[in-house]
Amino acid sequence: MALVLDCTFRDGGYYTNWDFEENLVSQYFQAISRAAVDTLEIGYVGNASGEYLGKFYYLTPEDCTFYKSQIRAEQKICVMINLKEFKPSEIAERFKPYVGKVDIVRMAVPPSQVKEANEIAVELQKFGFQVGLNLMYLSTYFNKVESVIADIDQSLYYCVSLVDSYGGCFPQQVKTAVAQAKEFLSVPVGFHGHNNVELAFANALASMEAGVDYLDSTITGMGRGAGNLKTEMIVSYLEAVGKGGASDLSALGALVERFEAMQKVFGWGSNLPYIISGLNSLPQKDVMDWLGKARYSTSAIVAALRSASSEQFVDQTVYPSLPSNRDDKPVLIVGGGQSVLQHLSAIKLFIAKSDATVLHSSLKNLAVLGEGSSLSLVCLPGHEVEKAPDVIGKNTAFIVQAAPRFKGTLPVELKERVYQTILFNQGADKKLGPVSDAGPLALALSAARDINSKSIYLVGFDGYSNATRSQQELATETQTLLDAYQLSGKVLKLVSLTPTSYSLSTDSVYRLI
């Protein structure tokens, strides 16, 4: 009989920065304590630095003690560590305070780093912890499990779980892999499935046919990328077929409703790019990063992930550079923040009085601000134009990055009033396939440099409050660009005329009108 390990807060934390509302946490433990779940993997004992990660990434001994008190006595508390964050010599000091508070410590490990994991496991075992090894990238070794597990010191682990990291395995492959693992391992075998190709449940059933001992799952499948096997699905199934204990389905159902509401916000689940990444064994994190920016069409992401021919997807058209004869006029870069609406009349008056060159780095405020300048330019990164096709035909000009760029950056009807700019940070930017990742602000700042204006102002760069992970990444990108632009030493100081949470010089649009 397979036992269920629920890792909702650990795996789901990738969407929330490992922060969860306290009342949701309380409801989770109440429901899971009444469910046929053997083990709760509640988060990380982290040792990272340099970025904000929340409570369930940096679980304290006190946290673990409290959460252990909220579940049934026979249920186990598990935490995970990132192998790259710890040296064997650090384990004793870091984990001694968790003795008696945590039952299991697991590590997610690439096959190439099993020997390093063994060294960490030796130290963890000294304190009486059960140690779990999650062996990643199953789709790359499902038919040669014996050779991959050869370096595992079985005396160190209570369980070795096979992880379909890319979510691209099929049931027969999982069945084959688990059967091989059961043959060559003397310890229990687990399976952690991802749902890229909607086979997490089918793969779980296949693993059970092969005799799997543990199944990882999360509430509503919440987890990195396309998500995981659903806890509510597997415990209900096991109960229905007489292979698992009874669960309080009312409490579990109410909890599922809470997570379904979160899913509408964070959007975990399968989609075309995740399907492609699963079928081609490509990292989900890369897919998440590109999707989170919401800058490219699905077809472009798929093409890049498939390493498709650049000739088919890339536009090499050369457009003229921007005229630089407005050095007596300021440039106003308009972002997508709500402050533009709040101060709209003053911004319009500033544009009219100064005849500023208006650079729209976002399409969000294009309609309300209009074209109150003799030179109004719309920056078109990625496939932003697909979000606002009504910009086609407006009496304005467009800025695109110098070739190569993805086809579809420009409306097909557009044949003129297009300028190109060479990104000021060219070479330092990320790439999506053959194309440099030009964000809207990068285009706007590069265009401002080309115009050679006397001053550069910004409005609508509010920043984010209560930001999602994707928004935090976009905010970091924005601040990095602002810093890089001003540190180049060859450009004017940037000044925000509306309130901003970015590190920028500020002034007031009202003073300038």
Protein backbone atom coordinates (compact mmCIF):
# COMPACT_ATOMS: atom_id res chain seq x y z
CA MET A 1 0.00 0.00 0.00
CA ALA A 2 1.40 3.38 -1.01
CA LEU A 3 1.65 6.04 1.70
CA VAL A 4 0.94 9.69 0.85
CA LEU A 5 3.46 12.47 1.51
CA ASP A 6 1.85 15.88 1.16
CA CYS A 7 4.32 18.65 0.26
CA THR A 8 1.92 21.52 -0.43
CA PHE A 9 3.72 24.29 1.43
CA ARG A 10 7.17 23.15 0.30
CA ASP A 11 6.38 22.79 -3.41
CA GLY A 12 3.59 25.34 -3.54
CA GLY A 13 5.90 27.94 -2.04
CA TYR A 14 7.48 28.48 -5.46
CA TYR A 15 4.38 30.51 -6.31
CA THR A 16 4.08 32.48 -3.06
CA ASN A 17 7.74 32.94 -2.06
CA TRP A 18 6.93 30.48 0.73
CA ASP A 19 4.51 32.88 2.40
CA PHE A 20 1.01 31.66 3.25
CA GLU A 21 -1.78 33.38 5.17
CA GLU A 22 -1.98 32.26 8.79
CA ASN A 23 -5.65 31.28 8.62
CA LEU A 24 -4.91 29.16 5.53
CA VAL A 25 -2.02 27.49 7.35
CA SER A 26 -4.29 26.72 10.28
CA GLN A 27 -7.00 25.32 8.01
CA TYR A 28 -4.42 23.20 6.16
CA PHE A 29 -3.13 21.49 9.30
CA GLN A 30 -6.65 20.88 10.60
CA ALA A 31 -7.69 19.25 7.33
CA ILE A 32 -4.51 17.25 6.75
CA SER A 33 -4.58 15.95 10.32
CA ARG A 34 -7.91 14.33 9.41
CA ALA A 35 -6.75 12.96 6.04
CA ALA A 36 -5.09 9.69 5.10
CA VAL A 37 -1.71 11.38 4.78
CA ASP A 38 1.35 9.75 6.34
CA THR A 39 3.90 12.57 6.09
CA LEU A 40 3.75 16.36 5.81
CA GLU A 41 6.68 18.03 4.12
CA ILE A 42 6.04 21.54 5.37
CA GLY A 43 8.86 23.50 3.76
CA TYR A 44 12.59 24.08 3.71
CA VAL A 45 15.27 24.55 6.29
CA GLY A 46 17.00 27.05 4.07
CA ASN A 47 20.47 28.47 4.06
CA ALA A 48 20.11 30.78 1.06
CA SER A 49 20.80 34.51 0.93
CA GLY A 50 20.46 37.43 -1.42
CA GLU A 51 16.69 37.35 -2.00
CA TYR A 52 13.46 37.40 -0.03
CA LEU A 53 12.07 33.96 0.74
CA GLY A 54 9.30 33.51 3.28
CA LYS A 55 8.62 31.66 6.49
CA PHE A 56 8.18 28.21 4.94
CA TYR A 57 11.61 28.42 3.34
CA TYR A 58 13.31 29.28 6.63
CA LEU A 59 11.44 27.02 9.03
CA THR A 60 12.65 27.35 12.61
CA PRO A 61 12.72 24.58 15.24
CA GLU A 62 9.88 26.43 16.98
CA ASP A 63 7.80 26.38 13.77
CA CYS A 64 8.33 22.64 13.42
CA THR A 65 7.43 22.01 17.07
CA PHE A 66 4.19 23.95 16.70
CA TYR A 67 3.14 22.32 13.44
CA LYS A 68 3.95 18.88 14.81
CA SER A 69 1.54 19.60 17.65
CA GLN A 70 -1.25 20.28 15.11
CA ILE A 71 -1.27 16.81 13.51
CA ARG A 72 -1.93 13.23 14.56
CA ALA A 73 0.75 11.56 16.66
CA GLU A 74 1.51 8.97 13.98
CA GLN A 75 1.92 11.56 11.21
CA LYS A 76 5.48 12.64 10.43
CA ILE A 77 6.94 16.10 9.88
CA CYS A 78 9.38 16.38 7.00
CA VAL A 79 11.52 19.26 5.75
CA MET A 80 13.65 19.60 2.64
CA ILE A 81 17.06 21.12 2.08
CA ASN A 82 18.75 22.31 -1.08
CA LEU A 83 21.95 20.35 -1.48
CA LYS A 84 23.83 23.33 -2.89
CA GLU A 85 23.15 25.41 0.24
CA PHE A 86 24.98 23.14 2.71
CA LYS A 87 28.40 21.67 3.29
CA PRO A 88 28.66 18.52 5.42
CA SER A 89 30.57 20.49 8.06
CA GLU A 90 27.58 22.85 8.48
CA ILE A 91 24.95 20.22 9.19
CA ALA A 92 25.67 19.64 12.89
CA GLU A 93 25.31 23.28 13.95
CA ARG A 94 22.32 23.92 11.69
CA PHE A 95 20.27 20.81 12.43
CA LYS A 96 20.97 19.94 16.05
CA PRO A 97 18.15 22.30 17.19
CA TYR A 98 15.67 20.33 15.05
CA VAL A 99 16.22 17.02 16.83
CA GLY A 100 12.89 15.73 18.13
CA LYS A 101 11.01 18.38 16.16
CA VAL A 102 11.53 17.02 12.64
CA ASP A 103 11.24 13.36 11.67
CA ILE A 104 12.51 13.37 8.08
CA VAL A 105 14.92 15.51 6.07
CA ARG A 106 14.80 15.13 2.31
CA MET A 107 17.12 16.31 -0.45
CA ALA A 108 16.29 16.81 -4.14
CA VAL A 109 19.41 15.62 -5.94
CA PRO A 110 20.48 15.36 -9.59
CA PRO A 111 21.88 11.91 -10.42
CA SER A 112 25.31 13.48 -10.93
CA GLN A 113 25.45 14.63 -7.28
CA VAL A 114 24.46 11.48 -5.40
CA LYS A 115 27.91 11.16 -3.79
CA GLU A 116 27.64 14.70 -2.39
CA ALA A 117 24.19 13.85 -1.04
CA ASN A 118 25.60 10.78 0.69
CA GLU A 119 28.05 12.99 2.59
CA ILE A 120 25.22 15.22 3.82
CA ALA A 121 23.10 12.19 4.70
CA VAL A 122 25.87 10.80 6.91
CA GLU A 123 25.80 13.96 9.01
CA LEU A 124 22.00 14.12 9.21
CA GLN A 125 21.77 10.48 10.26
CA LYS A 126 24.06 11.16 13.23
CA PHE A 127 21.22 13.17 14.78
CA GLY A 128 18.64 10.45 14.27
CA PHE A 129 16.83 11.96 11.32
CA GLN A 130 15.38 9.73 8.67
CA VAL A 131 16.87 10.94 5.39
CA GLY A 132 15.09 10.90 2.04
CA LEU A 133 16.69 11.15 -1.38
CA ASN A 134 14.60 12.60 -4.20
CA LEU A 135 16.40 11.56 -7.38
CA MET A 136 15.59 14.13 -10.06
CA TYR A 137 15.12 13.99 -13.86
CA LEU A 138 13.45 10.57 -14.13
CA SER A 139 12.57 11.09 -17.81
CA THR A 140 16.30 11.04 -18.63
CA TYR A 141 17.03 7.66 -16.97
CA PHE A 142 13.75 5.72 -16.61
CA ASN A 143 15.13 2.79 -18.62
CA LYS A 144 18.53 2.66 -16.90
CA VAL A 145 17.68 3.09 -13.22
CA GLU A 146 20.24 0.56 -12.04
CA SER A 147 23.18 2.57 -13.37
CA VAL A 148 21.86 5.83 -11.94
CA ILE A 149 21.30 4.50 -8.42
CA ALA A 150 24.64 2.71 -8.27
CA ASP A 151 26.22 5.46 -6.18
CA ILE A 152 23.44 5.57 -3.58
CA ASP A 153 24.52 4.38 -0.14
CA GLN A 154 21.29 2.66 0.81
CA SER A 155 22.24 2.47 4.49
CA LEU A 156 21.74 6.24 4.71
CA TYR A 157 18.18 6.62 3.42
CA TYR A 158 14.74 5.65 4.61
CA CYS A 159 13.36 6.16 1.09
CA VAL A 160 14.58 6.92 -2.43
CA SER A 161 11.97 8.78 -4.51
CA LEU A 162 12.08 8.99 -8.29
CA VAL A 163 11.17 12.51 -9.43
CA ASP A 164 9.64 13.22 -12.82
CA SER A 165 11.17 16.70 -12.72
CA TYR A 166 10.09 17.66 -16.23
CA GLY A 167 6.64 16.10 -15.98
CA GLY A 168 7.10 14.27 -19.26
CA CYS A 169 7.10 10.60 -18.24
CA PHE A 170 4.41 8.20 -19.41
CA PRO A 171 2.83 5.50 -17.23
CA GLN A 172 4.75 2.58 -18.73
CA GLN A 173 8.02 4.46 -18.25
CA VAL A 174 7.18 5.15 -14.60
CA LYS A 175 6.14 1.54 -14.05
CA THR A 176 9.41 0.33 -15.57
CA ALA A 177 11.51 2.73 -13.51
CA VAL A 178 9.82 1.94 -10.19
CA ALA A 179 10.03 -1.79 -10.86
CA GLN A 180 13.77 -1.51 -11.53
CA ALA A 181 14.28 0.61 -8.42
CA LYS A 182 12.38 -1.91 -6.30
CA GLU A 183 14.56 -4.68 -7.68
CA PHE A 184 17.88 -3.02 -6.93
CA LEU A 185 17.08 -1.02 -3.77
CA SER A 186 16.53 -2.53 -0.35
CA VAL A 187 14.86 0.65 0.98
CA PRO A 188 11.34 1.94 0.18
CA VAL A 189 10.82 3.64 -3.19
CA GLY A 190 8.76 6.78 -3.73
CA PHE A 191 7.45 8.69 -6.74
CA HIS A 192 7.08 12.45 -7.19
CA GLY A 193 5.17 13.27 -10.36
CA HIS A 194 4.66 16.57 -12.15
CA ASN A 195 1.63 17.27 -14.28
CA ASN A 196 3.01 18.87 -17.45
CA VAL A 197 1.29 16.41 -19.74
CA GLU A 198 -1.67 15.76 -17.38
CA LEU A 199 -0.38 12.32 -16.38
CA ALA A 200 0.49 12.85 -12.72
CA PHE A 201 -2.41 10.68 -11.50
CA ALA A 202 -1.98 8.05 -14.23
CA ASN A 203 1.73 7.87 -13.43
CA ALA A 204 0.93 7.49 -9.73
CA LEU A 205 -1.31 4.52 -10.53
CA ALA A 206 1.44 3.02 -12.70
CA SER A 207 3.95 3.43 -9.89
CA MET A 208 1.54 1.63 -7.53
CA GLU A 209 1.29 -1.29 -9.95
CA ALA A 210 5.09 -1.57 -9.66
CA GLY A 211 4.92 -1.55 -5.86
CA VAL A 212 5.79 2.04 -4.97
CA ASP A 213 5.87 2.76 -1.23
CA TYR A 214 5.39 6.57 -1.09
CA LEU A 215 3.56 9.04 -3.32
CA ASP A 216 4.22 12.80 -3.17
CA SER A 217 1.24 15.10 -3.69
CA THR A 218 -0.05 18.61 -3.01
CA ILE A 219 -3.46 20.19 -2.46
CA THR A 220 -4.97 20.98 -5.91
CA GLY A 221 -1.59 19.97 -7.35
CA MET A 222 -0.07 23.31 -6.30
CA GLY A 223 3.60 23.20 -7.16
CA ARG A 224 6.40 24.44 -9.28
CA GLY A 225 5.49 24.88 -12.93
CA ALA A 226 2.59 22.72 -14.02
CA GLY A 227 2.13 21.31 -10.53
CA ASN A 228 1.88 17.85 -9.05
CA LEU A 229 -0.34 14.92 -8.21
CA LYS A 230 -3.39 16.21 -6.31
CA THR A 231 -3.58 15.14 -2.68
CA GLU A 232 -7.38 15.16 -2.73
CA MET A 233 -7.29 12.89 -5.81
CA ILE A 234 -4.91 10.26 -4.48
CA VAL A 235 -6.33 9.99 -0.93
CA SER A 236 -9.88 9.73 -2.31
CA TYR A 237 -8.79 7.05 -4.77
CA LEU A 238 -6.91 5.02 -2.16
CA GLU A 239 -9.90 5.13 0.17
CA ALA A 240 -12.31 4.16 -2.64
CA VAL A 241 -10.29 1.08 -3.63
CA GLY A 242 -9.64 0.05 -0.05
CA LYS A 243 -5.92 0.78 -0.11
CA GLY A 244 -5.92 3.79 2.21
CA GLY A 245 -7.52 5.08 5.37
CA ALA A 246 -10.56 7.33 5.60
CA SER A 247 -10.27 11.10 5.25
CA ASP A 248 -12.56 13.86 6.47
CA LEU A 249 -13.69 14.85 2.99
CA SER A 250 -15.69 17.85 4.23
CA ALA A 251 -12.60 19.41 5.81
CA LEU A 252 -10.50 18.48 2.80
CA GLY A 253 -13.08 19.91 0.40
CA ALA A 254 -13.17 23.25 2.21
CA LEU A 255 -9.36 23.41 2.05
CA VAL A 256 -9.40 22.59 -1.67
CA GLU A 257 -11.76 25.53 -2.25
CA ARG A 258 -9.23 27.89 -0.65
CA PHE A 259 -6.45 26.61 -2.86
CA GLU A 260 -8.61 26.73 -5.97
CA ALA A 261 -9.12 30.43 -5.31
CA MET A 262 -5.34 30.85 -5.07
CA GLN A 263 -4.92 28.92 -8.31
CA LYS A 264 -6.93 31.57 -10.14
CA VAL A 265 -4.38 34.13 -8.97
CA PHE A 266 -1.12 32.20 -9.42
CA GLY A 267 -2.14 29.97 -12.32
CA TRP A 268 -0.39 26.68 -11.65
CA GLY A 269 -1.41 23.88 -13.98
CA SER A 270 -0.51 22.59 -17.40
CA ASN A 271 -0.42 24.66 -20.58
CA LEU A 272 1.23 24.40 -23.97
CA PRO A 273 4.74 25.59 -22.97
CA TYR A 274 4.72 23.25 -19.97
CA ILE A 275 3.60 20.39 -22.19
CA ILE A 276 6.46 21.10 -24.58
CA SER A 277 8.97 21.41 -21.74
CA GLY A 278 7.75 18.11 -20.31
CA LEU A 279 7.89 16.22 -23.57
CA ASN A 280 11.36 17.60 -24.32
CA SER A 281 12.75 17.29 -20.75
CA LEU A 282 13.37 21.03 -20.38
CA PRO A 283 13.61 22.84 -17.00
CA GLN A 284 10.30 24.17 -15.71
CA LYS A 285 11.99 27.14 -14.07
CA ASP A 286 12.98 28.51 -17.47
CA VAL A 287 9.41 28.17 -18.64
CA MET A 288 8.11 29.87 -15.47
CA ASP A 289 10.51 32.77 -15.90
CA TRP A 290 9.42 33.49 -19.46
CA LEU A 291 5.73 33.03 -18.78
CA GLY A 292 5.94 35.25 -15.70
CA LYS A 293 7.19 38.15 -17.78
CA ALA A 294 4.09 37.88 -19.99
CA ARG A 295 6.21 39.38 -22.76
CA TYR A 296 6.15 36.69 -25.42
CA SER A 297 3.47 34.70 -27.17
CA THR A 298 3.10 31.05 -26.35
CA SER A 299 4.24 30.12 -29.86
CA ALA A 300 7.49 32.08 -29.44
CA ILE A 301 8.25 30.42 -26.10
CA VAL A 302 7.53 27.00 -27.55
CA ALA A 303 9.71 27.72 -30.59
CA ALA A 304 12.62 28.84 -28.43
CA LEU A 305 12.31 25.88 -26.06
CA ARG A 306 12.32 23.53 -29.00
CA SER A 307 15.43 25.26 -30.38
CA ALA A 308 13.53 25.72 -33.60
CA SER A 309 15.18 27.15 -36.68
CA SER A 310 15.76 30.87 -36.22
CA GLU A 311 14.97 31.42 -39.88
CA GLN A 312 11.38 30.39 -39.26
CA PHE A 313 10.69 32.50 -36.18
CA VAL A 314 13.09 35.45 -36.32
CA ASP A 315 12.62 38.83 -38.03
CA GLN A 316 15.84 40.32 -39.42
CA THR A 317 14.30 43.51 -40.85
CA VAL A 318 16.39 46.65 -40.37
CA TYR A 319 14.51 49.87 -39.54
CA PRO A 320 15.90 53.42 -39.32
CA SER A 321 17.26 54.80 -36.08
CA LEU A 322 15.44 57.50 -34.15
CA PRO A 323 16.08 61.13 -35.09
CA SER A 324 18.23 62.92 -32.50
CA ASN A 325 17.23 66.52 -33.26
CA ARG A 326 15.09 67.19 -30.18
CA ASP A 327 17.85 68.00 -27.73
CA ASP A 328 15.89 71.04 -26.55
CA LYS A 329 12.88 68.92 -25.52
CA PRO A 330 12.55 66.56 -22.57
CA VAL A 331 11.71 62.86 -22.85
CA LEU A 332 8.85 61.46 -20.76
CA ILE A 333 8.86 57.69 -20.28
CA VAL A 334 5.40 56.44 -19.33
CA GLY A 335 5.02 53.22 -17.32
CA GLY A 336 1.93 51.20 -16.55
CA GLY A 337 1.32 52.35 -12.98
CA GLN A 338 -1.94 53.70 -11.55
CA SER A 339 -0.26 57.01 -10.72
CA VAL A 340 -0.68 58.06 -14.36
CA LEU A 341 -4.45 57.98 -13.92
CA GLN A 342 -4.23 59.74 -10.57
CA HIS A 343 -2.20 62.61 -12.00
CA LEU A 344 -3.44 62.48 -15.59
CA SER A 345 -4.40 66.15 -16.00
CA ALA A 346 -1.04 67.37 -14.71
CA ILE A 347 0.88 64.92 -16.92
CA LYS A 348 -1.06 66.03 -20.01
CA LEU A 349 -0.37 69.66 -19.18
CA PHE A 350 3.34 68.94 -18.72
CA ILE A 351 3.48 67.24 -22.13
CA ALA A 352 1.68 70.10 -23.83
CA LYS A 353 3.81 72.81 -22.24
CA SER A 354 7.17 71.13 -22.76
CA ASP A 355 6.42 69.37 -26.05
CA ALA A 356 8.09 66.33 -24.50
CA THR A 357 8.86 63.27 -26.55
CA VAL A 358 6.57 60.64 -25.03
CA LEU A 359 7.90 57.10 -24.82
CA HIS A 360 5.27 54.55 -23.81
CA SER A 361 7.17 51.68 -22.18
CA SER A 362 3.81 50.06 -21.42
CA LEU A 363 0.57 49.90 -23.37
CA LYS A 364 -1.54 50.21 -20.22
CA ASN A 365 -1.77 54.01 -20.22
CA LEU A 366 -1.59 54.61 -23.95
CA ALA A 367 -5.33 55.09 -24.44
CA VAL A 368 -5.85 57.51 -21.56
CA LEU A 369 -2.80 59.63 -22.27
CA GLY A 370 -3.26 59.89 -25.99
CA GLU A 371 -0.78 61.62 -28.25
CA GLY A 372 -0.37 65.02 -26.65
CA SER A 373 3.11 65.44 -28.08
CA SER A 374 4.48 66.13 -31.54
CA LEU A 375 6.50 62.93 -31.11
CA SER A 376 4.83 59.98 -29.36
CA LEU A 377 6.50 56.58 -29.47
CA VAL A 378 5.25 53.16 -28.39
CA CYS A 379 7.82 50.55 -27.31
CA LEU A 380 7.00 47.07 -28.57
CA PRO A 381 8.98 44.35 -26.78
CA GLY A 382 8.28 40.70 -27.41
CA HIS A 383 4.65 40.28 -28.48
CA GLU A 384 3.14 43.06 -26.38
CA VAL A 385 1.19 44.31 -29.38
CA GLU A 386 -1.02 41.22 -29.23
CA LYS A 387 -2.43 42.53 -25.95
CA ALA A 388 -3.58 45.82 -27.48
CA PRO A 389 -4.18 45.48 -31.21
CA ASP A 390 -6.04 48.81 -31.18
CA VAL A 391 -2.67 50.61 -31.28
CA ILE A 392 -2.58 49.66 -34.93
CA GLY A 393 -3.49 52.64 -37.04
CA LYS A 394 -2.96 55.25 -34.33
CA ASN A 395 -1.00 58.28 -35.42
CA THR A 396 2.11 57.36 -33.53
CA ALA A 397 5.46 55.69 -34.14
CA PHE A 398 6.87 52.44 -32.81
CA ILE A 399 10.16 51.38 -31.23
CA VAL A 400 11.50 47.85 -31.64
CA GLN A 401 14.83 46.32 -30.76
CA ALA A 402 17.41 45.97 -33.50
CA ALA A 403 17.34 42.62 -35.27
CA PRO A 404 17.15 39.78 -34.55
CA ARG A 405 13.67 39.93 -33.00
CA PHE A 406 10.79 37.50 -32.98
CA LYS A 407 8.34 37.71 -35.84
CA GLY A 408 5.08 39.20 -34.65
CA THR A 409 6.69 42.04 -32.72
CA LEU A 410 5.01 44.46 -35.12
CA PRO A 411 1.45 44.40 -36.47
CA VAL A 412 1.49 42.95 -39.98
CA GLU A 413 -0.32 46.06 -41.27
CA LEU A 414 2.47 48.34 -40.12
CA LYS A 415 4.94 49.24 -42.84
CA GLU A 416 6.26 52.62 -41.70
CA ARG A 417 6.68 54.84 -38.63
CA VAL A 418 8.93 52.17 -37.13
CA TYR A 419 12.32 52.84 -35.56
CA GLN A 420 14.82 50.45 -34.10
CA THR A 421 17.15 50.88 -31.16
CA ILE A 422 20.21 48.96 -30.03
CA LEU A 423 19.75 47.97 -26.40
CA PHE A 424 22.08 49.90 -24.13
CA ASN A 425 22.73 46.73 -22.11
CA GLN A 426 23.18 44.48 -25.13
CA GLY A 427 25.25 41.45 -24.18
CA ALA A 428 24.26 41.54 -20.52
CA ASP A 429 20.63 40.65 -21.16
CA LYS A 430 19.07 37.19 -21.16
CA LYS A 431 18.13 35.40 -24.35
CA LEU A 432 15.07 33.46 -25.33
CA GLY A 433 16.36 31.16 -28.02
CA PRO A 434 18.13 33.31 -30.64
CA VAL A 435 16.62 36.61 -29.46
CA SER A 436 17.78 38.99 -26.74
CA ASP A 437 15.11 39.57 -24.10
CA ALA A 438 14.28 43.23 -24.58
CA GLY A 439 11.92 44.47 -21.90
CA PRO A 440 9.79 47.58 -22.40
CA LEU A 441 11.93 49.75 -20.15
CA ALA A 442 15.13 48.62 -21.88
CA LEU A 443 13.63 49.76 -25.18
CA ALA A 444 12.47 53.06 -23.72
CA LEU A 445 15.80 53.89 -22.10
CA SER A 446 17.67 52.98 -25.26
CA ALA A 447 15.34 55.15 -27.33
CA ALA A 448 15.79 58.04 -24.87
CA ARG A 449 19.53 57.75 -25.34
CA ASP A 450 19.12 57.86 -29.12
CA ILE A 451 16.94 60.97 -29.01
CA ASN A 452 19.68 62.89 -27.19
CA SER A 453 17.25 64.92 -25.11
CA LYS A 454 18.14 67.55 -22.50
CA SER A 455 16.31 65.68 -19.69
CA ILE A 456 14.58 62.37 -19.05
CA TYR A 457 11.53 62.09 -16.81
CA LEU A 458 9.41 59.09 -15.82
CA VAL A 459 5.79 58.70 -14.73
CA GLY A 460 3.84 55.58 -13.85
CA PHE A 461 6.74 53.64 -12.36
CA ASP A 462 4.93 52.96 -9.10
CA GLY A 463 6.46 49.59 -8.18
CA TYR A 464 4.46 46.78 -6.58
CA SER A 465 2.91 46.22 -3.19
CA ASN A 466 2.16 42.63 -2.12
CA ALA A 467 3.90 41.49 -5.30
CA THR A 468 3.68 37.99 -6.69
CA ARG A 469 6.93 36.21 -7.46
CA SER A 470 6.69 37.21 -11.14
CA GLN A 471 6.04 40.83 -10.19
CA GLN A 472 9.03 40.79 -7.85
CA GLU A 473 11.20 39.53 -10.68
CA LEU A 474 9.90 42.27 -12.97
CA ALA A 475 10.53 44.87 -10.28
CA THR A 476 14.08 43.60 -9.86
CA GLU A 477 14.57 43.76 -13.62
CA THR A 478 13.27 47.34 -13.66
CA GLN A 479 15.55 48.50 -10.85
CA THR A 480 18.54 46.77 -12.43
CA LEU A 481 17.91 48.56 -15.72
CA LEU A 482 17.49 51.93 -14.02
CA ASP A 483 20.72 51.44 -12.11
CA ALA A 484 22.67 50.23 -15.13
CA TYR A 485 21.47 53.13 -17.25
CA GLN A 486 22.50 55.76 -14.75
CA LEU A 487 25.79 54.09 -13.87
CA SER A 488 26.87 54.02 -17.52
CA GLY A 489 28.03 57.63 -17.07
CA LYS A 490 27.00 58.60 -20.58
CA VAL A 491 23.36 59.48 -19.99
CA LEU A 492 21.25 62.00 -18.16
CA LYS A 493 19.91 61.43 -14.66
CA LEU A 494 16.49 59.82 -14.56
CA VAL A 495 13.83 61.67 -12.55
CA SER A 496 10.39 60.35 -11.58
CA LEU A 497 7.61 62.94 -11.60
CA THR A 498 5.08 60.68 -9.86
CA PRO A 499 5.43 58.64 -6.65
CA THR A 500 7.67 55.59 -7.04
CA SER A 501 9.04 52.81 -4.88
CA TYR A 502 12.08 52.44 -7.14
CA SER A 503 15.43 53.90 -6.23
CA LEU A 504 15.17 57.01 -8.39
CA SER A 505 15.59 60.74 -8.11
CA THR A 506 12.15 62.33 -7.76
CA ASP A 507 10.49 65.63 -8.54
CA SER A 508 6.86 66.66 -8.90
CA VAL A 509 4.98 67.00 -12.14
CA TYR A 510 3.04 69.80 -10.45
CA ARG A 511 6.18 71.87 -9.92
CA LEU A 512 7.00 71.70 -13.60
CA ILE A 513 3.63 72.93 -14.84
